[in-house]
Amino acid sequence: MRRKKGIEKGIEKGLNQVVLTAFKQGVDISLIANITNLNIEKVKSILAKEGLI
């Protein structure tokens, strides 16, 4: 069970990095959401945590 949690955490961290990198490269939030299969609010939340919006 612990291993599964670790894998999920790693996937989440990777998606967060994709969101941040794409946004910094000028990719629109709605396109980032579409590509990552995250909802727009989650994408905005990730960006807000990093102070980007």
PDB file of N, CA and C in Angstrom:
ATOM      1  N   MET A   1       0.828  -1.189   0.000  1.00  0.00           N
ATOM      2  CA  MET A   1       0.000   0.000   0.000  1.00  0.00           C
ATOM      3  C   MET A   1       0.875   1.257   0.000  1.00  0.00           C
ATOM      4  N   ARG A   2       1.968   1.244   0.773  1.00  0.00           N
ATOM      5  CA  ARG A   2       2.852   2.398   0.837  1.00  0.00           C
ATOM      6  C   ARG A   2       3.495   2.679  -0.512  1.00  0.00           C
ATOM      7  N   ARG A   3       3.836   1.623  -1.225  1.00  0.00           N
ATOM      8  CA  ARG A   3       4.457   1.767  -2.536  1.00  0.00           C
ATOM      9  C   ARG A   3       3.495   2.449  -3.509  1.00  0.00           C
ATOM     10  N   LYS A   4       2.232   2.061  -3.462  1.00  0.00           N
ATOM     11  CA  LYS A   4       1.224   2.659  -4.339  1.00  0.00           C
ATOM     12  C   LYS A   4       1.103   4.158  -4.065  1.00  0.00           C
ATOM     13  N   LYS A   5       1.105   4.538  -2.781  1.00  0.00           N
ATOM     14  CA  LYS A   5       1.042   5.952  -2.395  1.00  0.00           C
ATOM     15  C   LYS A   5       2.233   6.703  -2.962  1.00  0.00           C
ATOM     16  N   GLY A   6       3.399   6.089  -2.894  1.00  0.00           N
ATOM     17  CA  GLY A   6       4.625   6.707  -3.408  1.00  0.00           C
ATOM     18  C   GLY A   6       4.560   6.921  -4.906  1.00  0.00           C
ATOM     19  N   ILE A   7       4.026   5.935  -5.601  1.00  0.00           N
ATOM     20  CA  ILE A   7       3.885   6.046  -7.057  1.00  0.00           C
ATOM     21  C   ILE A   7       2.907   7.162  -7.406  1.00  0.00           C
ATOM     22  N   GLU A   8       1.785   7.213  -6.698  1.00  0.00           N
ATOM     23  CA  GLU A   8       0.792   8.269  -6.946  1.00  0.00           C
ATOM     24  C   GLU A   8       1.393   9.643  -6.683  1.00  0.00           C
ATOM     25  N   LYS A   9       2.178   9.763  -5.620  1.00  0.00           N
ATOM     26  CA  LYS A   9       2.815  11.038  -5.276  1.00  0.00           C
ATOM     27  C   LYS A   9       3.809  11.434  -6.373  1.00  0.00           C
ATOM     28  N   GLY A  10       4.538  10.470  -6.897  1.00  0.00           N
ATOM     29  CA  GLY A  10       5.493  10.738  -7.970  1.00  0.00           C
ATOM     30  C   GLY A  10       4.803  11.200  -9.244  1.00  0.00           C
ATOM     31  N   ILE A  11       3.688  10.569  -9.564  1.00  0.00           N
ATOM     32  CA  ILE A  11       2.920  10.960 -10.747  1.00  0.00           C
ATOM     33  C   ILE A  11       2.397  12.383 -10.575  1.00  0.00           C
ATOM     34  N   GLU A  12       1.881  12.677  -9.388  1.00  0.00           N
ATOM     35  CA  GLU A  12       1.367  14.024  -9.113  1.00  0.00           C
ATOM     36  C   GLU A  12       2.477  15.063  -9.237  1.00  0.00           C
ATOM     37  N   LYS A  13       3.639  14.761  -8.707  1.00  0.00           N
ATOM     38  CA  LYS A  13       4.774  15.687  -8.784  1.00  0.00           C
ATOM     39  C   LYS A  13       5.165  15.919 -10.247  1.00  0.00           C
ATOM     40  N   GLY A  14       5.157  14.863 -11.034  1.00  0.00           N
ATOM     41  CA  GLY A  14       5.482  14.991 -12.455  1.00  0.00           C
ATOM     42  C   GLY A  14       4.469  15.848 -13.195  1.00  0.00           C
ATOM     43  N   LEU A  15       3.190  15.649 -12.911  1.00  0.00           N
ATOM     44  CA  LEU A  15       2.153  16.466 -13.545  1.00  0.00           C
ATOM     45  C   LEU A  15       2.290  17.928 -13.145  1.00  0.00           C
ATOM     46  N   ASN A  16       2.592  18.169 -11.871  1.00  0.00           N
ATOM     47  CA  ASN A  16       2.791  19.541 -11.419  1.00  0.00           C
ATOM     48  C   ASN A  16       3.924  20.202 -12.196  1.00  0.00           C
ATOM     49  N   GLN A  17       4.997  19.460 -12.424  1.00  0.00           N
ATOM     50  CA  GLN A  17       6.137  19.996 -13.163  1.00  0.00           C
ATOM     51  C   GLN A  17       5.758  20.297 -14.607  1.00  0.00           C
ATOM     52  N   VAL A  18       4.964  19.439 -15.214  1.00  0.00           N
ATOM     53  CA  VAL A  18       4.490  19.684 -16.582  1.00  0.00           C
ATOM     54  C   VAL A  18       3.665  20.965 -16.633  1.00  0.00           C
ATOM     55  N   VAL A  19       2.764  21.131 -15.657  1.00  0.00           N
ATOM     56  CA  VAL A  19       1.922  22.331 -15.596  1.00  0.00           C
ATOM     57  C   VAL A  19       2.798  23.578 -15.503  1.00  0.00           C
ATOM     58  N   LEU A  20       3.755  23.570 -14.587  1.00  0.00           N
ATOM     59  CA  LEU A  20       4.616  24.733 -14.374  1.00  0.00           C
ATOM     60  C   LEU A  20       5.461  25.049 -15.606  1.00  0.00           C
ATOM     61  N   THR A  21       6.066  24.035 -16.180  1.00  0.00           N
ATOM     62  CA  THR A  21       6.912  24.235 -17.350  1.00  0.00           C
ATOM     63  C   THR A  21       6.114  24.745 -18.538  1.00  0.00           C
ATOM     64  N   ALA A  22       4.962  24.145 -18.783  1.00  0.00           N
ATOM     65  CA  ALA A  22       4.124  24.557 -19.908  1.00  0.00           C
ATOM     66  C   ALA A  22       3.671  26.006 -19.730  1.00  0.00           C
ATOM     67  N   PHE A  23       3.251  26.361 -18.527  1.00  0.00           N
ATOM     68  CA  PHE A  23       2.787  27.728 -18.279  1.00  0.00           C
ATOM     69  C   PHE A  23       3.921  28.729 -18.493  1.00  0.00           C
ATOM     70  N   LYS A  24       5.099  28.403 -18.018  1.00  0.00           N
ATOM     71  CA  LYS A  24       6.259  29.286 -18.184  1.00  0.00           C
ATOM     72  C   LYS A  24       6.643  29.442 -19.654  1.00  0.00           C
ATOM     73  N   GLN A  25       6.271  28.454 -20.470  1.00  0.00           N
ATOM     74  CA  GLN A  25       6.555  28.515 -21.908  1.00  0.00           C
ATOM     75  C   GLN A  25       5.438  29.204 -22.687  1.00  0.00           C
ATOM     76  N   GLY A  26       4.415  29.674 -21.972  1.00  0.00           N
ATOM     77  CA  GLY A  26       3.349  30.429 -22.608  1.00  0.00           C
ATOM     78  C   GLY A  26       2.144  29.616 -23.054  1.00  0.00           C
ATOM     79  N   VAL A  27       2.058  28.371 -22.625  1.00  0.00           N
ATOM     80  CA  VAL A  27       0.922  27.530 -22.994  1.00  0.00           C
ATOM     81  C   VAL A  27      -0.304  27.969 -22.191  1.00  0.00           C
ATOM     82  N   ASP A  28      -1.433  28.082 -22.862  1.00  0.00           N
ATOM     83  CA  ASP A  28      -2.690  28.506 -22.245  1.00  0.00           C
ATOM     84  C   ASP A  28      -3.146  27.498 -21.178  1.00  0.00           C
ATOM     85  N   ILE A  29      -3.711  28.022 -20.107  1.00  0.00           N
ATOM     86  CA  ILE A  29      -4.164  27.185 -18.990  1.00  0.00           C
ATOM     87  C   ILE A  29      -5.153  26.111 -19.446  1.00  0.00           C
ATOM     88  N   SER A  30      -6.073  26.469 -20.328  1.00  0.00           N
ATOM     89  CA  SER A  30      -7.062  25.470 -20.775  1.00  0.00           C
ATOM     90  C   SER A  30      -6.395  24.348 -21.569  1.00  0.00           C
ATOM     91  N   LEU A  31      -5.352  24.661 -22.328  1.00  0.00           N
ATOM     92  CA  LEU A  31      -4.628  23.625 -23.067  1.00  0.00           C
ATOM     93  C   LEU A  31      -3.826  22.748 -22.098  1.00  0.00           C
ATOM     94  N   ILE A  32      -3.224  23.362 -21.099  1.00  0.00           N
ATOM     95  CA  ILE A  32      -2.498  22.584 -20.073  1.00  0.00           C
ATOM     96  C   ILE A  32      -3.452  21.602 -19.405  1.00  0.00           C
ATOM     97  N   ALA A  33      -4.641  22.078 -19.054  1.00  0.00           N
ATOM     98  CA  ALA A  33      -5.643  21.216 -18.424  1.00  0.00           C
ATOM     99  C   ALA A  33      -6.007  20.051 -19.337  1.00  0.00           C
ATOM    100  N   ASN A  34      -6.189  20.347 -20.598  1.00  0.00           N
ATOM    101  CA  ASN A  34      -6.547  19.317 -21.573  1.00  0.00           C
ATOM    102  C   ASN A  34      -5.441  18.275 -21.711  1.00  0.00           C
ATOM    103  N   ILE A  35      -4.217  18.726 -21.830  1.00  0.00           N
ATOM    104  CA  ILE A  35      -3.076  17.821 -22.029  1.00  0.00           C
ATOM    105  C   ILE A  35      -2.833  16.944 -20.798  1.00  0.00           C
ATOM    106  N   THR A  36      -2.940  17.530 -19.603  1.00  0.00           N
ATOM    107  CA  THR A  36      -2.635  16.802 -18.378  1.00  0.00           C
ATOM    108  C   THR A  36      -3.827  16.041 -17.823  1.00  0.00           C
ATOM    109  N   ASN A  37      -5.003  16.276 -18.407  1.00  0.00           N
ATOM    110  CA  ASN A  37      -6.245  15.664 -17.934  1.00  0.00           C
ATOM    111  C   ASN A  37      -6.602  16.120 -16.509  1.00  0.00           C
ATOM    112  N   LEU A  38      -6.166  17.338 -16.158  1.00  0.00           N
ATOM    113  CA  LEU A  38      -6.540  17.957 -14.887  1.00  0.00           C
ATOM    114  C   LEU A  38      -7.602  18.998 -15.186  1.00  0.00           C
ATOM    115  N   ASN A  39      -8.467  19.290 -14.207  1.00  0.00           N
ATOM    116  CA  ASN A  39      -9.429  20.351 -14.460  1.00  0.00           C
ATOM    117  C   ASN A  39      -8.743  21.712 -14.313  1.00  0.00           C
ATOM    118  N   ILE A  40      -9.356  22.729 -14.885  1.00  0.00           N
ATOM    119  CA  ILE A  40      -8.748  24.057 -14.917  1.00  0.00           C
ATOM    120  C   ILE A  40      -8.482  24.578 -13.504  1.00  0.00           C
ATOM    121  N   GLU A  41      -9.384  24.310 -12.588  1.00  0.00           N
ATOM    122  CA  GLU A  41      -9.191  24.778 -11.209  1.00  0.00           C
ATOM    123  C   GLU A  41      -7.947  24.155 -10.574  1.00  0.00           C
ATOM    124  N   LYS A  42      -7.688  22.885 -10.860  1.00  0.00           N
ATOM    125  CA  LYS A  42      -6.495  22.217 -10.325  1.00  0.00           C
ATOM    126  C   LYS A  42      -5.234  22.837 -10.922  1.00  0.00           C
ATOM    127  N   VAL A  43      -5.258  23.116 -12.220  1.00  0.00           N
ATOM    128  CA  VAL A  43      -4.114  23.751 -12.873  1.00  0.00           C
ATOM    129  C   VAL A  43      -3.856  25.121 -12.241  1.00  0.00           C
ATOM    130  N   LYS A  44      -4.921  25.890 -12.063  1.00  0.00           N
ATOM    131  CA  LYS A  44      -4.775  27.208 -11.442  1.00  0.00           C
ATOM    132  C   LYS A  44      -4.249  27.089 -10.019  1.00  0.00           C
ATOM    133  N   SER A  45      -4.676  26.074  -9.296  1.00  0.00           N
ATOM    134  CA  SER A  45      -4.212  25.851  -7.930  1.00  0.00           C
ATOM    135  C   SER A  45      -2.708  25.573  -7.905  1.00  0.00           C
ATOM    136  N   ILE A  46      -2.242  24.757  -8.814  1.00  0.00           N
ATOM    137  CA  ILE A  46      -0.817  24.434  -8.905  1.00  0.00           C
ATOM    138  C   ILE A  46      -0.023  25.705  -9.210  1.00  0.00           C
ATOM    139  N   LEU A  47      -0.513  26.491 -10.146  1.00  0.00           N
ATOM    140  CA  LEU A  47       0.169  27.728 -10.523  1.00  0.00           C
ATOM    141  C   LEU A  47       0.168  28.736  -9.380  1.00  0.00           C
ATOM    142  N   ALA A  48      -0.950  28.810  -8.676  1.00  0.00           N
ATOM    143  CA  ALA A  48      -1.067  29.759  -7.554  1.00  0.00           C
ATOM    144  C   ALA A  48      -0.095  29.390  -6.417  1.00  0.00           C
ATOM    145  N   LYS A  49       0.055  28.094  -6.162  1.00  0.00           N
ATOM    146  CA  LYS A  49       0.977  27.657  -5.109  1.00  0.00           C
ATOM    147  C   LYS A  49       2.408  28.104  -5.391  1.00  0.00           C
ATOM    148  N   GLU A  50       2.724  28.235  -6.669  1.00  0.00           N
ATOM    149  CA  GLU A  50       4.063  28.666  -7.073  1.00  0.00           C
ATOM    150  C   GLU A  50       4.147  30.170  -7.300  1.00  0.00           C
ATOM    151  N   GLY A  51       3.030  30.870  -7.057  1.00  0.00           N
ATOM    152  CA  GLY A  51       3.004  32.316  -7.205  1.00  0.00           C
ATOM    153  C   GLY A  51       3.026  32.799  -8.643  1.00  0.00           C
ATOM    154  N   LEU A  52       2.584  31.958  -9.551  1.00  0.00           N
ATOM    155  CA  LEU A  52       2.626  32.323 -10.972  1.00  0.00           C
ATOM    156  C   LEU A  52       1.343  33.002 -11.450  1.00  0.00           C
ATOM    157  N   ILE A  53       0.267  32.875 -10.685  1.00  0.00           N
ATOM    158  CA  ILE A  53      -0.967  33.600 -11.008  1.00  0.00           C
ATOM    159  C   ILE A  53      -1.544  34.184  -9.738  1.00  0.00           C
TER     160      ILE A  53
END
